[in-house]
Amino acid sequence: MDDILTWISRVLKVGLEQGEFNFSGSTEARAELVAEALMGARQFSSIRGRKTLVRSISLIKSDLGWKADFFSPNRYLLICK
């Protein structure tokens, strides 16, 4: 789980630096929130249906101030290095 949180933190940091995200607070705390929300949404969607997960992902993106196309395949590869 630590590797996942580290990766999410790195993605958030790069996104903030490049102006793709707009949120306050530490990237580490935000990474934990994203992981927790996704894990909970996944569990909840198994009961309530896929729309629950899709809605949660949309809210997470909005909360991060996500601008479109941040996770293009090329950028994803750069972040993972």
N, C-alpha and C. Protein backbone atom coordinates (compact mmCIF):
# COMPACT_ATOMS: atom_id res chain seq x y z
N MET A 1 0.82 -1.19 0.00
CA MET A 1 0.00 0.00 0.00
C MET A 1 0.87 1.26 0.00
N ASP A 2 2.02 1.18 0.66
CA ASP A 2 2.91 2.33 0.69
C ASP A 2 3.37 2.72 -0.72
N ASP A 3 3.63 1.71 -1.56
CA ASP A 3 4.05 1.99 -2.93
C ASP A 3 2.95 2.72 -3.70
N ILE A 4 1.72 2.33 -3.49
CA ILE A 4 0.59 2.97 -4.16
C ILE A 4 0.46 4.41 -3.70
N LEU A 5 0.53 4.63 -2.39
CA LEU A 5 0.43 6.00 -1.87
C LEU A 5 1.58 6.88 -2.35
N THR A 6 2.77 6.31 -2.44
CA THR A 6 3.92 7.06 -2.95
C THR A 6 3.69 7.44 -4.40
N TRP A 7 3.18 6.51 -5.19
CA TRP A 7 2.91 6.79 -6.59
C TRP A 7 1.84 7.87 -6.75
N ILE A 8 0.75 7.75 -6.00
CA ILE A 8 -0.31 8.76 -6.08
C ILE A 8 0.23 10.13 -5.66
N SER A 9 1.02 10.16 -4.59
CA SER A 9 1.63 11.42 -4.14
C SER A 9 2.49 12.05 -5.23
N ARG A 10 3.26 11.21 -5.91
CA ARG A 10 4.12 11.70 -6.99
C ARG A 10 3.29 12.25 -8.15
N VAL A 11 2.23 11.55 -8.49
CA VAL A 11 1.33 12.02 -9.55
C VAL A 11 0.73 13.37 -9.17
N LEU A 12 0.28 13.49 -7.93
CA LEU A 12 -0.32 14.74 -7.48
C LEU A 12 0.71 15.88 -7.46
N LYS A 13 1.93 15.58 -7.03
CA LYS A 13 2.97 16.60 -6.99
C LYS A 13 3.28 17.11 -8.38
N VAL A 14 3.47 16.20 -9.32
CA VAL A 14 3.76 16.59 -10.70
C VAL A 14 2.58 17.39 -11.27
N GLY A 15 1.38 16.93 -10.98
CA GLY A 15 0.20 17.63 -11.47
C GLY A 15 0.09 19.05 -10.93
N LEU A 16 0.41 19.24 -9.66
CA LEU A 16 0.41 20.59 -9.08
C LEU A 16 1.49 21.45 -9.72
N GLU A 17 2.68 20.90 -9.85
CA GLU A 17 3.80 21.65 -10.43
C GLU A 17 3.51 22.09 -11.86
N GLN A 18 2.80 21.26 -12.60
CA GLN A 18 2.53 21.56 -14.00
C GLN A 18 1.19 22.27 -14.20
N GLY A 19 0.52 22.59 -13.11
CA GLY A 19 -0.73 23.32 -13.20
C GLY A 19 -1.91 22.49 -13.66
N GLU A 20 -1.78 21.18 -13.60
CA GLU A 20 -2.87 20.29 -14.02
C GLU A 20 -3.87 20.04 -12.91
N PHE A 21 -3.42 20.19 -11.67
CA PHE A 21 -4.28 20.06 -10.50
C PHE A 21 -4.28 21.38 -9.75
N ASN A 22 -5.32 21.58 -8.96
CA ASN A 22 -5.41 22.78 -8.15
C ASN A 22 -6.09 22.42 -6.83
N PHE A 23 -5.28 22.14 -5.82
CA PHE A 23 -5.81 21.83 -4.49
C PHE A 23 -4.82 22.31 -3.45
N SER A 24 -5.30 22.44 -2.24
CA SER A 24 -4.42 22.86 -1.15
C SER A 24 -4.13 21.67 -0.25
N GLY A 25 -3.13 21.82 0.58
CA GLY A 25 -2.74 20.76 1.49
C GLY A 25 -1.61 19.92 0.90
N SER A 26 -1.12 19.01 1.71
CA SER A 26 0.02 18.19 1.27
C SER A 26 -0.42 17.13 0.28
N THR A 27 0.49 16.79 -0.61
CA THR A 27 0.18 15.74 -1.59
C THR A 27 0.06 14.37 -0.90
N GLU A 28 0.79 14.19 0.18
CA GLU A 28 0.72 12.91 0.90
C GLU A 28 -0.66 12.71 1.51
N ALA A 29 -1.18 13.75 2.16
CA ALA A 29 -2.51 13.64 2.76
C ALA A 29 -3.58 13.48 1.69
N ARG A 30 -3.41 14.18 0.57
CA ARG A 30 -4.38 14.09 -0.52
C ARG A 30 -4.33 12.70 -1.15
N ALA A 31 -3.13 12.11 -1.24
CA ALA A 31 -2.99 10.76 -1.79
C ALA A 31 -3.74 9.75 -0.92
N GLU A 32 -3.63 9.90 0.39
CA GLU A 32 -4.36 9.01 1.29
C GLU A 32 -5.87 9.17 1.10
N LEU A 33 -6.32 10.40 0.96
CA LEU A 33 -7.74 10.65 0.76
C LEU A 33 -8.23 10.02 -0.54
N VAL A 34 -7.46 10.17 -1.60
CA VAL A 34 -7.84 9.58 -2.90
C VAL A 34 -7.92 8.06 -2.78
N ALA A 35 -6.91 7.45 -2.19
CA ALA A 35 -6.90 5.99 -2.04
C ALA A 35 -8.07 5.51 -1.18
N GLU A 36 -8.30 6.19 -0.07
CA GLU A 36 -9.41 5.81 0.81
C GLU A 36 -10.75 5.94 0.10
N ALA A 37 -10.92 7.04 -0.62
CA ALA A 37 -12.18 7.27 -1.32
C ALA A 37 -12.40 6.22 -2.41
N LEU A 38 -11.35 5.89 -3.15
CA LEU A 38 -11.48 4.89 -4.20
C LEU A 38 -11.78 3.50 -3.64
N MET A 39 -11.10 3.16 -2.55
CA MET A 39 -11.34 1.84 -1.95
C MET A 39 -12.77 1.74 -1.42
N GLY A 40 -13.22 2.78 -0.75
CA GLY A 40 -14.58 2.79 -0.23
C GLY A 40 -15.61 2.80 -1.34
N ALA A 41 -15.35 3.59 -2.36
CA ALA A 41 -16.28 3.68 -3.49
C ALA A 41 -16.37 2.34 -4.21
N ARG A 42 -15.26 1.65 -4.34
CA ARG A 42 -15.27 0.34 -4.99
C ARG A 42 -16.12 -0.65 -4.20
N GLN A 43 -15.97 -0.65 -2.89
CA GLN A 43 -16.78 -1.54 -2.06
C GLN A 43 -18.26 -1.18 -2.15
N PHE A 44 -18.54 0.10 -2.04
CA PHE A 44 -19.92 0.57 -2.07
C PHE A 44 -20.57 0.28 -3.42
N SER A 45 -19.79 0.40 -4.49
CA SER A 45 -20.34 0.15 -5.82
C SER A 45 -20.72 -1.31 -6.03
N SER A 46 -20.09 -2.21 -5.29
CA SER A 46 -20.47 -3.63 -5.41
C SER A 46 -21.88 -3.86 -4.87
N ILE A 47 -22.34 -2.96 -4.03
CA ILE A 47 -23.70 -3.05 -3.49
C ILE A 47 -24.66 -2.18 -4.29
N ARG A 48 -24.22 -0.95 -4.60
CA ARG A 48 -25.11 0.04 -5.21
C ARG A 48 -25.00 0.13 -6.73
N GLY A 49 -23.97 -0.46 -7.31
CA GLY A 49 -23.82 -0.43 -8.75
C GLY A 49 -22.69 0.48 -9.22
N ARG A 50 -22.33 0.31 -10.48
CA ARG A 50 -21.19 0.99 -11.07
C ARG A 50 -21.32 2.52 -11.05
N LYS A 51 -22.53 3.03 -11.14
CA LYS A 51 -22.73 4.47 -11.14
C LYS A 51 -22.15 5.12 -9.89
N THR A 52 -22.18 4.40 -8.79
CA THR A 52 -21.62 4.92 -7.54
C THR A 52 -20.12 5.15 -7.69
N LEU A 53 -19.41 4.21 -8.29
CA LEU A 53 -17.98 4.34 -8.48
C LEU A 53 -17.67 5.47 -9.46
N VAL A 54 -18.41 5.54 -10.54
CA VAL A 54 -18.19 6.59 -11.54
C VAL A 54 -18.42 7.96 -10.92
N ARG A 55 -19.46 8.09 -10.12
CA ARG A 55 -19.74 9.37 -9.45
C ARG A 55 -18.61 9.74 -8.48
N SER A 56 -18.11 8.76 -7.74
CA SER A 56 -17.02 9.03 -6.80
C SER A 56 -15.76 9.47 -7.52
N ILE A 57 -15.44 8.83 -8.63
CA ILE A 57 -14.26 9.22 -9.40
C ILE A 57 -14.44 10.64 -9.93
N SER A 58 -15.62 10.97 -10.38
CA SER A 58 -15.89 12.32 -10.86
C SER A 58 -15.70 13.35 -9.75
N LEU A 59 -16.15 13.03 -8.55
CA LEU A 59 -15.99 13.94 -7.41
C LEU A 59 -14.53 14.08 -7.00
N ILE A 60 -13.78 13.00 -7.05
CA ILE A 60 -12.35 13.06 -6.74
C ILE A 60 -11.65 13.97 -7.74
N LYS A 61 -11.96 13.80 -9.01
CA LYS A 61 -11.35 14.64 -10.05
C LYS A 61 -11.68 16.11 -9.81
N SER A 62 -12.92 16.38 -9.48
CA SER A 62 -13.33 17.75 -9.21
C SER A 62 -12.61 18.31 -7.99
N ASP A 63 -12.51 17.51 -6.95
CA ASP A 63 -11.83 17.93 -5.73
C ASP A 63 -10.36 18.27 -5.98
N LEU A 64 -9.74 17.55 -6.91
CA LEU A 64 -8.33 17.79 -7.23
C LEU A 64 -8.15 18.98 -8.17
N GLY A 65 -9.25 19.50 -8.69
CA GLY A 65 -9.14 20.57 -9.68
C GLY A 65 -8.53 20.07 -10.97
N TRP A 66 -8.83 18.81 -11.30
CA TRP A 66 -8.25 18.11 -12.44
C TRP A 66 -8.61 18.80 -13.74
N LYS A 67 -7.60 19.06 -14.55
CA LYS A 67 -7.80 19.56 -15.90
C LYS A 67 -7.65 18.38 -16.86
N ALA A 68 -8.41 18.36 -17.92
CA ALA A 68 -8.47 17.23 -18.86
C ALA A 68 -7.11 16.82 -19.39
N ASP A 69 -7.00 15.57 -19.74
CA ASP A 69 -5.85 14.98 -20.42
C ASP A 69 -4.59 14.88 -19.59
N PHE A 70 -4.69 15.04 -18.26
CA PHE A 70 -3.49 14.92 -17.44
C PHE A 70 -2.88 13.52 -17.57
N PHE A 71 -3.72 12.50 -17.63
CA PHE A 71 -3.21 11.14 -17.66
C PHE A 71 -3.12 10.59 -19.07
N SER A 72 -2.54 11.36 -19.96
CA SER A 72 -2.27 10.83 -21.28
C SER A 72 -1.23 9.72 -21.13
N PRO A 73 -1.19 8.76 -22.04
CA PRO A 73 -0.23 7.64 -21.90
C PRO A 73 1.21 8.10 -21.76
N ASN A 74 1.63 9.11 -22.51
CA ASN A 74 3.03 9.55 -22.43
C ASN A 74 3.35 10.15 -21.07
N ARG A 75 2.45 10.95 -20.53
CA ARG A 75 2.69 11.56 -19.22
C ARG A 75 2.72 10.49 -18.14
N TYR A 76 1.84 9.48 -18.26
CA TYR A 76 1.81 8.40 -17.29
C TYR A 76 3.17 7.70 -17.23
N LEU A 77 3.77 7.46 -18.36
CA LEU A 77 5.07 6.79 -18.39
C LEU A 77 6.14 7.65 -17.74
N LEU A 78 6.09 8.96 -17.94
CA LEU A 78 7.08 9.85 -17.32
C LEU A 78 6.95 9.86 -15.80
N ILE A 79 5.73 9.84 -15.30
CA ILE A 79 5.52 9.87 -13.86
C ILE A 79 5.99 8.58 -13.21
N CYS A 80 5.85 7.46 -13.90
CA CYS A 80 6.18 6.17 -13.32
C CYS A 80 7.69 5.91 -13.25
N LYS A 81 8.47 6.70 -13.93
CA LYS A 81 9.93 6.48 -13.91
C LYS A 81 10.55 6.88 -12.61
